[in-house]
Amino acid sequence: MSPSALPTAVSERLDAVRPHVVSLFRIVIGLLFLCHGGRSLLGWFDGVDGSGGTVEAGDWPGWYAAVIQLVGGGLVLLGLGTRSAAFLSSGSMAYAYFVEHQPEKLWPIENNGELSALFCWALLLIVFTGPGPWSLDRVLGAGRPSAAASADPADQEARAV
């Protein structure tokens, strides 16, 4: 094998597992997002105050954000209504960043908005990548792109699995 063929072989192997890594990425992001909602709404992981406290029901915007995190995170985790749930969840994190964090200082590292920014972009990526093969959307047939929609061999291989 020539040295120039090595990157191609590695790239092909990585392309072959890409759909499964997309599913793993979605599952991890969904679980982490769900945990944030559970912390705020249900007092998981010592709650919002360190002693099991929760946000007050109806409190704007915290309670609504927590509902979106819990429900949206659960849907993204399961891969059910994935793109819609990820889109709404991404938008809520954009709101959190620009309304709650960014007015304090410009950079996320300065205004404690890193999580909002990261969740916003990670969830937006899920909107565009879809749920991957390990999802309820795929099991129920809702997440299957048409053969004409993708000429990517890795995507077509994932549909065959």
N, C-alpha and C. Protein backbone atom coordinates (compact mmCIF):
# COMPACT_ATOMS: atom_id res chain seq x y z
N MET A 1 0.85 -1.17 0.00
CA MET A 1 0.00 0.00 0.00
C MET A 1 0.90 1.23 0.00
N SER A 2 0.64 2.12 -0.91
CA SER A 2 1.45 3.34 -1.01
C SER A 2 1.04 4.32 0.09
N PRO A 3 1.96 5.20 0.49
CA PRO A 3 1.64 6.17 1.54
C PRO A 3 0.45 7.07 1.18
N SER A 4 0.27 7.35 -0.11
CA SER A 4 -0.85 8.22 -0.50
C SER A 4 -2.19 7.50 -0.39
N ALA A 5 -2.19 6.16 -0.42
CA ALA A 5 -3.44 5.41 -0.31
C ALA A 5 -3.91 5.28 1.13
N LEU A 6 -3.00 5.45 2.08
CA LEU A 6 -3.36 5.30 3.49
C LEU A 6 -4.45 6.27 3.93
N PRO A 7 -4.34 7.58 3.65
CA PRO A 7 -5.41 8.47 4.07
C PRO A 7 -6.76 8.11 3.45
N THR A 8 -6.76 7.64 2.22
CA THR A 8 -8.00 7.24 1.56
C THR A 8 -8.62 6.05 2.28
N ALA A 9 -7.81 5.06 2.65
CA ALA A 9 -8.32 3.89 3.34
C ALA A 9 -8.90 4.27 4.70
N VAL A 10 -8.20 5.12 5.44
CA VAL A 10 -8.70 5.57 6.74
C VAL A 10 -9.99 6.36 6.56
N SER A 11 -10.01 7.23 5.58
CA SER A 11 -11.20 8.03 5.31
C SER A 11 -12.40 7.15 4.97
N GLU A 12 -12.18 6.12 4.17
CA GLU A 12 -13.27 5.21 3.82
C GLU A 12 -13.79 4.47 5.04
N ARG A 13 -12.90 4.06 5.92
CA ARG A 13 -13.33 3.38 7.15
C ARG A 13 -14.13 4.32 8.05
N LEU A 14 -13.65 5.55 8.16
CA LEU A 14 -14.38 6.53 8.96
C LEU A 14 -15.75 6.83 8.36
N ASP A 15 -15.81 6.95 7.04
CA ASP A 15 -17.09 7.19 6.36
C ASP A 15 -18.07 6.04 6.60
N ALA A 16 -17.55 4.83 6.68
CA ALA A 16 -18.41 3.66 6.87
C ALA A 16 -19.11 3.66 8.23
N VAL A 17 -18.46 4.21 9.24
CA VAL A 17 -19.07 4.22 10.59
C VAL A 17 -19.74 5.55 10.92
N ARG A 18 -19.65 6.52 10.03
CA ARG A 18 -20.22 7.84 10.30
C ARG A 18 -21.68 7.80 10.75
N PRO A 19 -22.57 7.06 10.10
CA PRO A 19 -23.97 7.07 10.54
C PRO A 19 -24.14 6.61 11.99
N HIS A 20 -23.32 5.66 12.41
CA HIS A 20 -23.43 5.16 13.77
C HIS A 20 -22.89 6.17 14.77
N VAL A 21 -21.84 6.90 14.38
CA VAL A 21 -21.30 7.95 15.24
C VAL A 21 -22.29 9.10 15.35
N VAL A 22 -23.03 9.39 14.28
CA VAL A 22 -24.09 10.40 14.33
C VAL A 22 -25.13 9.99 15.37
N SER A 23 -25.51 8.73 15.38
CA SER A 23 -26.46 8.25 16.39
C SER A 23 -25.90 8.40 17.80
N LEU A 24 -24.64 8.02 18.01
CA LEU A 24 -24.02 8.16 19.33
C LEU A 24 -23.96 9.62 19.76
N PHE A 25 -23.61 10.50 18.85
CA PHE A 25 -23.57 11.94 19.14
C PHE A 25 -24.94 12.43 19.58
N ARG A 26 -25.98 12.05 18.83
CA ARG A 26 -27.35 12.45 19.16
C ARG A 26 -27.76 11.93 20.53
N ILE A 27 -27.43 10.70 20.82
CA ILE A 27 -27.80 10.09 22.11
C ILE A 27 -27.12 10.83 23.27
N VAL A 28 -25.85 11.11 23.13
CA VAL A 28 -25.11 11.80 24.21
C VAL A 28 -25.64 13.21 24.41
N ILE A 29 -25.82 13.96 23.32
CA ILE A 29 -26.33 15.33 23.43
C ILE A 29 -27.74 15.32 24.03
N GLY A 30 -28.57 14.40 23.59
CA GLY A 30 -29.93 14.30 24.14
C GLY A 30 -29.93 13.99 25.63
N LEU A 31 -29.07 13.07 26.04
CA LEU A 31 -28.98 12.71 27.46
C LEU A 31 -28.51 13.89 28.30
N LEU A 32 -27.48 14.57 27.84
CA LEU A 32 -26.96 15.73 28.58
C LEU A 32 -28.00 16.84 28.67
N PHE A 33 -28.73 17.08 27.59
CA PHE A 33 -29.75 18.12 27.56
C PHE A 33 -30.90 17.74 28.49
N LEU A 34 -31.32 16.48 28.45
CA LEU A 34 -32.36 15.98 29.35
C LEU A 34 -31.96 16.15 30.81
N CYS A 35 -30.71 15.88 31.13
CA CYS A 35 -30.23 16.03 32.51
C CYS A 35 -30.34 17.46 33.00
N HIS A 36 -30.08 18.44 32.13
CA HIS A 36 -30.23 19.84 32.54
C HIS A 36 -31.68 20.15 32.87
N GLY A 37 -32.60 19.66 32.05
CA GLY A 37 -34.01 19.87 32.33
C GLY A 37 -34.44 19.16 33.60
N GLY A 38 -33.96 17.95 33.81
CA GLY A 38 -34.29 17.20 35.03
C GLY A 38 -33.76 17.88 36.28
N ARG A 39 -32.60 18.48 36.17
CA ARG A 39 -32.03 19.21 37.31
C ARG A 39 -32.92 20.39 37.70
N SER A 40 -33.38 21.14 36.70
CA SER A 40 -34.18 22.33 36.96
C SER A 40 -35.62 22.02 37.33
N LEU A 41 -36.22 21.03 36.68
CA LEU A 41 -37.64 20.72 36.91
C LEU A 41 -37.87 19.71 38.02
N LEU A 42 -36.99 18.73 38.14
CA LEU A 42 -37.22 17.62 39.04
C LEU A 42 -36.24 17.54 40.21
N GLY A 43 -35.27 18.44 40.23
CA GLY A 43 -34.30 18.45 41.32
C GLY A 43 -33.23 17.39 41.23
N TRP A 44 -33.05 16.79 40.04
CA TRP A 44 -32.00 15.78 39.88
C TRP A 44 -30.63 16.41 40.14
N PHE A 45 -29.68 15.59 40.51
CA PHE A 45 -28.29 16.00 40.67
C PHE A 45 -28.17 17.22 41.59
N ASP A 46 -28.86 17.19 42.70
CA ASP A 46 -28.86 18.26 43.70
C ASP A 46 -29.61 19.52 43.28
N GLY A 47 -30.33 19.48 42.19
CA GLY A 47 -31.19 20.59 41.79
C GLY A 47 -30.44 21.86 41.44
N VAL A 48 -31.20 22.93 41.27
CA VAL A 48 -30.62 24.19 40.83
C VAL A 48 -29.89 24.93 41.95
N ASP A 49 -30.20 24.58 43.20
CA ASP A 49 -29.58 25.30 44.33
C ASP A 49 -28.62 24.43 45.13
N GLY A 50 -28.36 23.21 44.67
CA GLY A 50 -27.44 22.33 45.38
C GLY A 50 -28.09 21.49 46.47
N SER A 51 -29.37 21.73 46.73
CA SER A 51 -30.07 20.94 47.76
C SER A 51 -31.39 20.38 47.24
N GLY A 52 -31.46 20.11 45.95
CA GLY A 52 -32.65 19.49 45.37
C GLY A 52 -33.72 20.47 44.94
N GLY A 53 -33.42 21.76 44.97
CA GLY A 53 -34.41 22.77 44.59
C GLY A 53 -34.70 22.76 43.10
N THR A 54 -35.87 23.24 42.75
CA THR A 54 -36.29 23.32 41.35
C THR A 54 -36.68 24.76 41.03
N VAL A 55 -36.81 25.04 39.73
CA VAL A 55 -37.30 26.36 39.33
C VAL A 55 -38.79 26.43 39.59
N GLU A 56 -39.26 27.61 39.88
CA GLU A 56 -40.69 27.80 40.18
C GLU A 56 -41.51 27.60 38.91
N ALA A 57 -42.59 26.84 39.01
CA ALA A 57 -43.45 26.57 37.85
C ALA A 57 -43.94 27.87 37.24
N GLY A 58 -43.79 27.97 35.92
CA GLY A 58 -44.24 29.14 35.19
C GLY A 58 -43.26 30.29 35.17
N ASP A 59 -42.15 30.17 35.88
CA ASP A 59 -41.16 31.24 35.94
C ASP A 59 -40.52 31.43 34.56
N TRP A 60 -40.54 32.68 34.06
CA TRP A 60 -39.97 32.99 32.75
C TRP A 60 -38.53 33.44 32.90
N PRO A 61 -37.61 32.97 32.12
CA PRO A 61 -37.72 31.92 31.12
C PRO A 61 -37.28 30.56 31.63
N GLY A 62 -36.83 30.50 32.90
CA GLY A 62 -36.22 29.29 33.43
C GLY A 62 -37.07 28.04 33.38
N TRP A 63 -38.33 28.16 33.78
CA TRP A 63 -39.19 26.97 33.81
C TRP A 63 -39.46 26.47 32.40
N TYR A 64 -39.73 27.38 31.48
CA TYR A 64 -40.01 27.00 30.09
C TYR A 64 -38.77 26.39 29.44
N ALA A 65 -37.61 26.96 29.72
CA ALA A 65 -36.37 26.39 29.20
C ALA A 65 -36.17 24.98 29.73
N ALA A 66 -36.46 24.77 31.00
CA ALA A 66 -36.29 23.45 31.61
C ALA A 66 -37.24 22.43 30.99
N VAL A 67 -38.46 22.84 30.68
CA VAL A 67 -39.41 21.93 30.03
C VAL A 67 -38.87 21.54 28.65
N ILE A 68 -38.39 22.54 27.90
CA ILE A 68 -37.82 22.25 26.58
C ILE A 68 -36.61 21.33 26.72
N GLN A 69 -35.78 21.56 27.73
CA GLN A 69 -34.60 20.71 27.93
C GLN A 69 -35.00 19.28 28.26
N LEU A 70 -35.96 19.12 29.15
CA LEU A 70 -36.37 17.77 29.57
C LEU A 70 -37.05 17.03 28.43
N VAL A 71 -38.06 17.64 27.83
CA VAL A 71 -38.81 16.98 26.76
C VAL A 71 -37.98 16.89 25.48
N GLY A 72 -37.38 18.01 25.08
CA GLY A 72 -36.55 18.01 23.86
C GLY A 72 -35.38 17.07 23.99
N GLY A 73 -34.72 17.07 25.15
CA GLY A 73 -33.60 16.16 25.37
C GLY A 73 -34.02 14.70 25.30
N GLY A 74 -35.18 14.40 25.87
CA GLY A 74 -35.70 13.03 25.82
C GLY A 74 -36.01 12.59 24.40
N LEU A 75 -36.63 13.48 23.63
CA LEU A 75 -36.95 13.14 22.24
C LEU A 75 -35.69 12.98 21.40
N VAL A 76 -34.72 13.87 21.59
CA VAL A 76 -33.46 13.75 20.86
C VAL A 76 -32.74 12.46 21.27
N LEU A 77 -32.71 12.17 22.56
CA LEU A 77 -32.09 10.94 23.05
C LEU A 77 -32.68 9.70 22.39
N LEU A 78 -34.01 9.64 22.32
CA LEU A 78 -34.68 8.49 21.73
C LEU A 78 -34.67 8.50 20.21
N GLY A 79 -34.42 9.66 19.64
CA GLY A 79 -34.47 9.77 18.19
C GLY A 79 -35.90 9.77 17.70
N LEU A 80 -36.79 10.46 18.40
CA LEU A 80 -38.20 10.51 18.04
C LEU A 80 -38.57 11.96 17.75
N GLY A 81 -38.98 12.24 16.53
CA GLY A 81 -39.22 13.62 16.14
C GLY A 81 -37.94 14.43 16.26
N THR A 82 -36.86 13.77 15.92
CA THR A 82 -35.51 14.27 16.21
C THR A 82 -35.26 15.66 15.66
N ARG A 83 -35.49 15.86 14.39
CA ARG A 83 -35.15 17.15 13.78
C ARG A 83 -35.98 18.29 14.36
N SER A 84 -37.26 18.06 14.57
CA SER A 84 -38.11 19.11 15.15
C SER A 84 -37.71 19.41 16.59
N ALA A 85 -37.49 18.37 17.37
CA ALA A 85 -37.09 18.55 18.77
C ALA A 85 -35.74 19.24 18.87
N ALA A 86 -34.80 18.87 18.00
CA ALA A 86 -33.48 19.49 18.01
C ALA A 86 -33.56 20.95 17.57
N PHE A 87 -34.42 21.25 16.61
CA PHE A 87 -34.57 22.62 16.13
C PHE A 87 -35.13 23.52 17.24
N LEU A 88 -36.19 23.08 17.89
CA LEU A 88 -36.78 23.86 18.98
C LEU A 88 -35.78 24.01 20.13
N SER A 89 -35.09 22.94 20.46
CA SER A 89 -34.11 22.97 21.54
C SER A 89 -32.94 23.88 21.21
N SER A 90 -32.47 23.84 19.97
CA SER A 90 -31.39 24.71 19.54
C SER A 90 -31.82 26.17 19.64
N GLY A 91 -33.02 26.46 19.22
CA GLY A 91 -33.54 27.83 19.31
C GLY A 91 -33.64 28.31 20.74
N SER A 92 -34.04 27.43 21.64
CA SER A 92 -34.13 27.83 23.05
C SER A 92 -32.74 28.15 23.62
N MET A 93 -31.73 27.43 23.15
CA MET A 93 -30.38 27.71 23.62
C MET A 93 -29.82 28.98 22.99
N ALA A 94 -30.21 29.28 21.76
CA ALA A 94 -29.82 30.56 21.15
C ALA A 94 -30.44 31.70 21.95
N TYR A 95 -31.71 31.55 22.30
CA TYR A 95 -32.38 32.56 23.13
C TYR A 95 -31.64 32.71 24.47
N ALA A 96 -31.34 31.59 25.10
CA ALA A 96 -30.64 31.64 26.39
C ALA A 96 -29.32 32.38 26.26
N TYR A 97 -28.60 32.11 25.18
CA TYR A 97 -27.31 32.77 25.03
C TYR A 97 -27.48 34.27 24.79
N PHE A 98 -28.27 34.64 23.80
CA PHE A 98 -28.34 36.05 23.40
C PHE A 98 -29.12 36.92 24.38
N VAL A 99 -30.08 36.35 25.10
CA VAL A 99 -30.88 37.15 26.03
C VAL A 99 -30.34 37.08 27.46
N GLU A 100 -29.90 35.90 27.88
CA GLU A 100 -29.48 35.73 29.27
C GLU A 100 -27.97 35.91 29.49
N HIS A 101 -27.16 35.51 28.54
CA HIS A 101 -25.71 35.53 28.74
C HIS A 101 -24.99 36.67 28.02
N GLN A 102 -25.25 36.83 26.73
CA GLN A 102 -24.49 37.76 25.92
C GLN A 102 -24.59 39.21 26.38
N PRO A 103 -25.70 39.69 26.93
CA PRO A 103 -25.73 41.09 27.38
C PRO A 103 -24.69 41.40 28.47
N GLU A 104 -24.25 40.38 29.21
CA GLU A 104 -23.26 40.59 30.27
C GLU A 104 -21.89 40.93 29.70
N LYS A 105 -21.42 40.12 28.77
CA LYS A 105 -20.14 40.31 28.09
C LYS A 105 -20.23 39.60 26.75
N LEU A 106 -19.32 39.94 25.85
CA LEU A 106 -19.40 39.43 24.48
C LEU A 106 -19.11 37.94 24.35
N TRP A 107 -18.04 37.46 24.95
CA TRP A 107 -17.57 36.10 24.71
C TRP A 107 -18.19 35.11 25.69
N PRO A 108 -18.54 33.90 25.18
CA PRO A 108 -19.14 32.89 26.06
C PRO A 108 -18.27 32.55 27.28
N ILE A 109 -16.97 32.57 27.13
CA ILE A 109 -16.08 32.25 28.24
C ILE A 109 -16.19 33.30 29.34
N GLU A 110 -16.57 34.53 28.96
CA GLU A 110 -16.69 35.62 29.93
C GLU A 110 -18.08 35.70 30.55
N ASN A 111 -19.10 35.25 29.84
CA ASN A 111 -20.47 35.43 30.32
C ASN A 111 -21.14 34.14 30.77
N ASN A 112 -20.36 33.08 30.95
CA ASN A 112 -20.87 31.76 31.37
C ASN A 112 -21.90 31.18 30.40
N GLY A 113 -21.76 31.51 29.13
CA GLY A 113 -22.70 31.03 28.14
C GLY A 113 -22.19 29.88 27.29
N GLU A 114 -21.07 29.25 27.71
CA GLU A 114 -20.50 28.17 26.90
C GLU A 114 -21.48 27.03 26.67
N LEU A 115 -22.17 26.60 27.72
CA LEU A 115 -23.10 25.48 27.56
C LEU A 115 -24.24 25.84 26.62
N SER A 116 -24.77 27.04 26.76
CA SER A 116 -25.85 27.45 25.86
C SER A 116 -25.36 27.46 24.42
N ALA A 117 -24.18 28.02 24.19
CA ALA A 117 -23.63 28.07 22.83
C ALA A 117 -23.35 26.67 22.29
N LEU A 118 -22.73 25.83 23.10
CA LEU A 118 -22.42 24.47 22.65
C LEU A 118 -23.68 23.65 22.36
N PHE A 119 -24.66 23.71 23.27
CA PHE A 119 -25.91 23.00 23.02
C PHE A 119 -26.61 23.53 21.78
N CYS A 120 -26.61 24.85 21.61
CA CYS A 120 -27.25 25.45 20.44
C CYS A 120 -26.66 24.88 19.16
N TRP A 121 -25.34 24.89 19.05
CA TRP A 121 -24.69 24.42 17.82
C TRP A 121 -24.76 22.90 17.67
N ALA A 122 -24.64 22.16 18.76
CA ALA A 122 -24.72 20.69 18.68
C ALA A 122 -26.11 20.26 18.24
N LEU A 123 -27.13 20.89 18.81
CA LEU A 123 -28.50 20.55 18.44
C LEU A 123 -28.82 20.98 17.01
N LEU A 124 -28.27 22.11 16.58
CA LEU A 124 -28.46 22.54 15.19
C LEU A 124 -27.80 21.54 14.23
N LEU A 125 -26.65 21.01 14.61
CA LEU A 125 -26.00 19.98 13.79
C LEU A 125 -26.90 18.76 13.65
N ILE A 126 -27.57 18.38 14.72
CA ILE A 126 -28.48 17.22 14.68
C ILE A 126 -29.65 17.49 13.74
N VAL A 127 -30.12 18.75 13.68
CA VAL A 127 -31.18 19.10 12.72
C VAL A 127 -30.74 18.72 11.31
N PHE A 128 -29.48 19.00 10.98
CA PHE A 128 -29.00 18.77 9.62
C PHE A 128 -28.49 17.36 9.37
N THR A 129 -27.97 16.69 10.39
CA THR A 129 -27.46 15.32 10.19
C THR A 129 -28.57 14.28 10.32
N GLY A 130 -29.64 14.62 11.02
CA GLY A 130 -30.70 13.65 11.24
C GLY A 130 -30.37 12.74 12.40
N PRO A 131 -31.22 11.78 12.66
CA PRO A 131 -31.09 10.96 13.87
C PRO A 131 -30.06 9.84 13.78
N GLY A 132 -29.65 9.47 12.59
CA GLY A 132 -28.77 8.31 12.45
C GLY A 132 -29.59 7.03 12.47
N PRO A 133 -28.93 5.91 12.27
CA PRO A 133 -29.67 4.64 12.14
C PRO A 133 -30.26 4.11 13.45
N TRP A 134 -29.72 4.50 14.60
CA TRP A 134 -30.21 3.98 15.88
C TRP A 134 -31.20 4.97 16.46
N SER A 135 -32.40 5.00 15.93
CA SER A 135 -33.39 5.96 16.41
C SER A 135 -34.80 5.41 16.22
N LEU A 136 -35.71 5.90 17.01
CA LEU A 136 -37.11 5.53 16.83
C LEU A 136 -37.65 6.10 15.52
N ASP A 137 -37.13 7.25 15.09
CA ASP A 137 -37.53 7.79 13.79
C ASP A 137 -37.26 6.77 12.69
N ARG A 138 -36.11 6.14 12.73
CA ARG A 138 -35.76 5.15 11.69
C ARG A 138 -36.63 3.89 11.83
N VAL A 139 -36.85 3.47 13.06
CA VAL A 139 -37.67 2.28 13.28
C VAL A 139 -39.09 2.50 12.77
N LEU A 140 -39.60 3.71 13.00
CA LEU A 140 -40.97 4.04 12.58
C LEU A 140 -41.05 4.51 11.14
N GLY A 141 -39.88 4.69 10.50
CA GLY A 141 -39.85 5.08 9.10
C GLY A 141 -39.88 6.57 8.86
N ALA A 142 -39.97 7.38 9.91
CA ALA A 142 -40.07 8.83 9.74
C ALA A 142 -38.74 9.47 9.42
N GLY A 143 -37.64 8.83 9.76
CA GLY A 143 -36.34 9.45 9.58
C GLY A 143 -35.59 8.97 8.36
N ARG A 144 -36.26 8.23 7.51
CA ARG A 144 -35.57 7.69 6.33
C ARG A 144 -35.58 8.69 5.19
N PRO A 145 -34.40 9.15 4.80
CA PRO A 145 -34.36 10.00 3.62
C PRO A 145 -34.58 9.16 2.37
N SER A 146 -35.12 9.78 1.33
CA SER A 146 -35.33 9.04 0.09
C SER A 146 -33.97 8.75 -0.55
N ALA A 147 -33.93 7.75 -1.39
CA ALA A 147 -32.67 7.39 -2.05
C ALA A 147 -32.17 8.55 -2.90
N ALA A 148 -33.07 9.34 -3.47
CA ALA A 148 -32.67 10.48 -4.29
C ALA A 148 -32.13 11.62 -3.44
N ALA A 149 -32.50 11.68 -2.18
CA ALA A 149 -32.09 12.78 -1.32
C ALA A 149 -30.62 12.73 -0.97
N SER A 150 -30.01 11.54 -1.03
CA SER A 150 -28.62 11.43 -0.65
C SER A 150 -27.88 10.50 -1.59
N ALA A 151 -26.81 11.02 -2.13
CA ALA A 151 -25.96 10.18 -2.96
C ALA A 151 -24.75 9.70 -2.18
N ASP A 152 -24.70 10.01 -0.89
CA ASP A 152 -23.57 9.64 -0.04
C ASP A 152 -23.62 8.14 0.22
N PRO A 153 -22.57 7.40 -0.15
CA PRO A 153 -22.57 5.95 0.04
C PRO A 153 -22.72 5.55 1.51
N ALA A 154 -22.16 6.34 2.42
CA ALA A 154 -22.27 6.01 3.84
C ALA A 154 -23.72 6.09 4.30
N ASP A 155 -24.47 7.10 3.82
CA ASP A 155 -25.88 7.21 4.18
C ASP A 155 -26.69 6.06 3.60
N GLN A 156 -26.39 5.69 2.35
CA GLN A 156 -27.12 4.59 1.73
C GLN A 156 -26.79 3.27 2.44
N GLU A 157 -25.55 3.12 2.90
CA GLU A 157 -25.17 1.91 3.64
C GLU A 157 -25.93 1.86 4.97
N ALA A 158 -26.09 3.01 5.64
CA ALA A 158 -26.80 3.06 6.90
C ALA A 158 -28.26 2.67 6.72
N ARG A 159 -28.86 3.09 5.59
CA ARG A 159 -30.26 2.74 5.34
C ARG A 159 -30.41 1.24 5.13
N ALA A 160 -29.37 0.61 4.59
CA ALA A 160 -29.42 -0.82 4.33
C ALA A 160 -29.28 -1.64 5.60
N VAL A 161 -28.71 -1.02 6.66
CA VAL A 161 -28.45 -1.73 7.91
C VAL A 161 -29.72 -1.90 8.69
